[in-house]
């Protein structure tokens, strides 16, 4: 599971709610 984009995406998605909305937009865009 260490290899592959899935774990990375999961970590990023988990961090999204913890980060400010501005960071969300920046990440998405």
PDB file of N, CA and C in Angstrom:
ATOM      1  N   UNK A   1       0.834  -1.211   0.000  1.00  0.00           N
ATOM      2  CA  UNK A   1       0.000   0.000   0.000  1.00  0.00           C
ATOM      3  C   UNK A   1       0.867   1.260   0.000  1.00  0.00           C
ATOM      4  N   UNK A   2       2.133   1.094   0.350  1.00  0.00           N
ATOM      5  CA  UNK A   2       3.025   2.259   0.396  1.00  0.00           C
ATOM      6  C   UNK A   2       3.189   2.840  -1.005  1.00  0.00           C
ATOM      7  N   UNK A   3       3.175   1.952  -2.005  1.00  0.00           N
ATOM      8  CA  UNK A   3       3.354   2.434  -3.383  1.00  0.00           C
ATOM      9  C   UNK A   3       2.002   2.690  -4.028  1.00  0.00           C
ATOM     10  N   UNK A   4       1.935   3.721  -4.871  1.00  0.00           N
ATOM     11  CA  UNK A   4       0.674   4.035  -5.547  1.00  0.00           C
ATOM     12  C   UNK A   4       0.110   5.359  -5.081  1.00  0.00           C
ATOM     13  N   UNK A   5      -0.711   6.012  -5.906  1.00  0.00           N
ATOM     14  CA  UNK A   5      -1.279   7.333  -5.607  1.00  0.00           C
ATOM     15  C   UNK A   5      -2.385   7.277  -4.558  1.00  0.00           C
ATOM     16  N   UNK A   6      -2.983   6.109  -4.357  1.00  0.00           N
ATOM     17  CA  UNK A   6      -4.109   6.012  -3.419  1.00  0.00           C
ATOM     18  C   UNK A   6      -3.757   6.521  -2.021  1.00  0.00           C
ATOM     19  N   UNK A   7      -2.686   6.026  -1.393  1.00  0.00           N
ATOM     20  CA  UNK A   7      -2.330   6.478  -0.035  1.00  0.00           C
ATOM     21  C   UNK A   7      -2.084   7.983   0.003  1.00  0.00           C
ATOM     22  N   UNK A   8      -1.415   8.506  -1.015  1.00  0.00           N
ATOM     23  CA  UNK A   8      -1.116   9.938  -1.057  1.00  0.00           C
ATOM     24  C   UNK A   8      -2.413  10.743  -1.116  1.00  0.00           C
ATOM     25  N   UNK A   9      -3.332  10.314  -1.988  1.00  0.00           N
ATOM     26  CA  UNK A   9      -4.605  11.025  -2.129  1.00  0.00           C
ATOM     27  C   UNK A   9      -5.370  10.985  -0.818  1.00  0.00           C
ATOM     28  N   UNK A  10      -5.373   9.828  -0.160  1.00  0.00           N
ATOM     29  CA  UNK A  10      -6.094   9.697   1.108  1.00  0.00           C
ATOM     30  C   UNK A  10      -5.525  10.671   2.129  1.00  0.00           C
ATOM     31  N   UNK A  11      -4.213  10.762   2.215  1.00  0.00           N
ATOM     32  CA  UNK A  11      -3.573  11.672   3.179  1.00  0.00           C
ATOM     33  C   UNK A  11      -3.950  13.111   2.842  1.00  0.00           C
ATOM     34  N   UNK A  12      -3.892  13.457   1.556  1.00  0.00           N
ATOM     35  CA  UNK A  12      -4.218  14.828   1.147  1.00  0.00           C
ATOM     36  C   UNK A  12      -5.669  15.140   1.488  1.00  0.00           C
ATOM     37  N   UNK A  13      -6.569  14.208   1.175  1.00  0.00           N
ATOM     38  CA  UNK A  13      -7.989  14.426   1.462  1.00  0.00           C
ATOM     39  C   UNK A  13      -8.209  14.588   2.960  1.00  0.00           C
ATOM     40  N   UNK A  14      -7.469  13.831   3.749  1.00  0.00           N
ATOM     41  CA  UNK A  14      -7.615  13.916   5.210  1.00  0.00           C
ATOM     42  C   UNK A  14      -7.134  15.273   5.708  1.00  0.00           C
ATOM     43  N   UNK A  15      -6.114  15.835   5.038  1.00  0.00           N
ATOM     44  CA  UNK A  15      -5.567  17.128   5.462  1.00  0.00           C
ATOM     45  C   UNK A  15      -6.449  18.291   4.996  1.00  0.00           C
ATOM     46  N   UNK A  16      -7.214  18.079   3.926  1.00  0.00           N
ATOM     47  CA  UNK A  16      -8.040  19.166   3.387  1.00  0.00           C
ATOM     48  C   UNK A  16      -8.925  19.813   4.447  1.00  0.00           C
ATOM     49  N   UNK A  17      -9.724  19.047   5.182  1.00  0.00           N
ATOM     50  CA  UNK A  17     -10.621  19.652   6.184  1.00  0.00           C
ATOM     51  C   UNK A  17      -9.852  20.367   7.287  1.00  0.00           C
ATOM     52  N   UNK A  18      -8.631  19.963   7.558  1.00  0.00           N
ATOM     53  CA  UNK A  18      -7.838  20.588   8.623  1.00  0.00           C
ATOM     54  C   UNK A  18      -7.259  21.916   8.138  1.00  0.00           C
ATOM     55  N   UNK A  19      -7.111  22.071   6.837  1.00  0.00           N
ATOM     56  CA  UNK A  19      -6.520  23.298   6.282  1.00  0.00           C
ATOM     57  C   UNK A  19      -7.601  24.336   5.998  1.00  0.00           C
ATOM     58  N   UNK A  20      -7.219  25.608   5.920  1.00  0.00           N
ATOM     59  CA  UNK A  20      -8.176  26.693   5.648  1.00  0.00           C
ATOM     60  C   UNK A  20      -8.771  26.567   4.245  1.00  0.00           C
ATOM     61  N   UNK A  21      -9.909  27.221   4.020  1.00  0.00           N
ATOM     62  CA  UNK A  21     -10.584  27.135   2.719  1.00  0.00           C
ATOM     63  C   UNK A  21      -9.665  27.631   1.602  1.00  0.00           C
ATOM     64  N   UNK A  22      -8.886  28.669   1.877  1.00  0.00           N
ATOM     65  CA  UNK A  22      -7.975  29.199   0.863  1.00  0.00           C
ATOM     66  C   UNK A  22      -7.018  28.115   0.384  1.00  0.00           C
ATOM     67  N   UNK A  23      -6.549  27.293   1.315  1.00  0.00           N
ATOM     68  CA  UNK A  23      -5.632  26.222   0.940  1.00  0.00           C
ATOM     69  C   UNK A  23      -6.352  25.190   0.085  1.00  0.00           C
ATOM     70  N   UNK A  24      -7.617  24.932   0.396  1.00  0.00           N
ATOM     71  CA  UNK A  24      -8.406  23.969  -0.375  1.00  0.00           C
ATOM     72  C   UNK A  24      -8.471  24.416  -1.834  1.00  0.00           C
ATOM     73  N   UNK A  25      -8.842  25.676  -2.028  1.00  0.00           N
ATOM     74  CA  UNK A  25      -8.972  26.195  -3.390  1.00  0.00           C
ATOM     75  C   UNK A  25      -7.630  26.102  -4.105  1.00  0.00           C
ATOM     76  N   UNK A  26      -6.567  26.450  -3.386  1.00  0.00           N
ATOM     77  CA  UNK A  26      -5.236  26.411  -3.989  1.00  0.00           C
ATOM     78  C   UNK A  26      -4.882  24.977  -4.380  1.00  0.00           C
ATOM     79  N   UNK A  27      -5.232  24.003  -3.517  1.00  0.00           N
ATOM     80  CA  UNK A  27      -4.930  22.600  -3.796  1.00  0.00           C
ATOM     81  C   UNK A  27      -5.740  22.116  -5.006  1.00  0.00           C
ATOM     82  N   UNK A  28      -7.025  22.475  -5.034  1.00  0.00           N
ATOM     83  CA  UNK A  28      -7.903  22.031  -6.117  1.00  0.00           C
ATOM     84  C   UNK A  28      -7.502  22.692  -7.426  1.00  0.00           C
ATOM     85  N   UNK A  29      -7.155  23.991  -7.363  1.00  0.00           N
ATOM     86  CA  UNK A  29      -6.819  24.732  -8.571  1.00  0.00           C
ATOM     87  C   UNK A  29      -5.344  24.701  -8.849  1.00  0.00           C
TER      88      UNK A  29
END
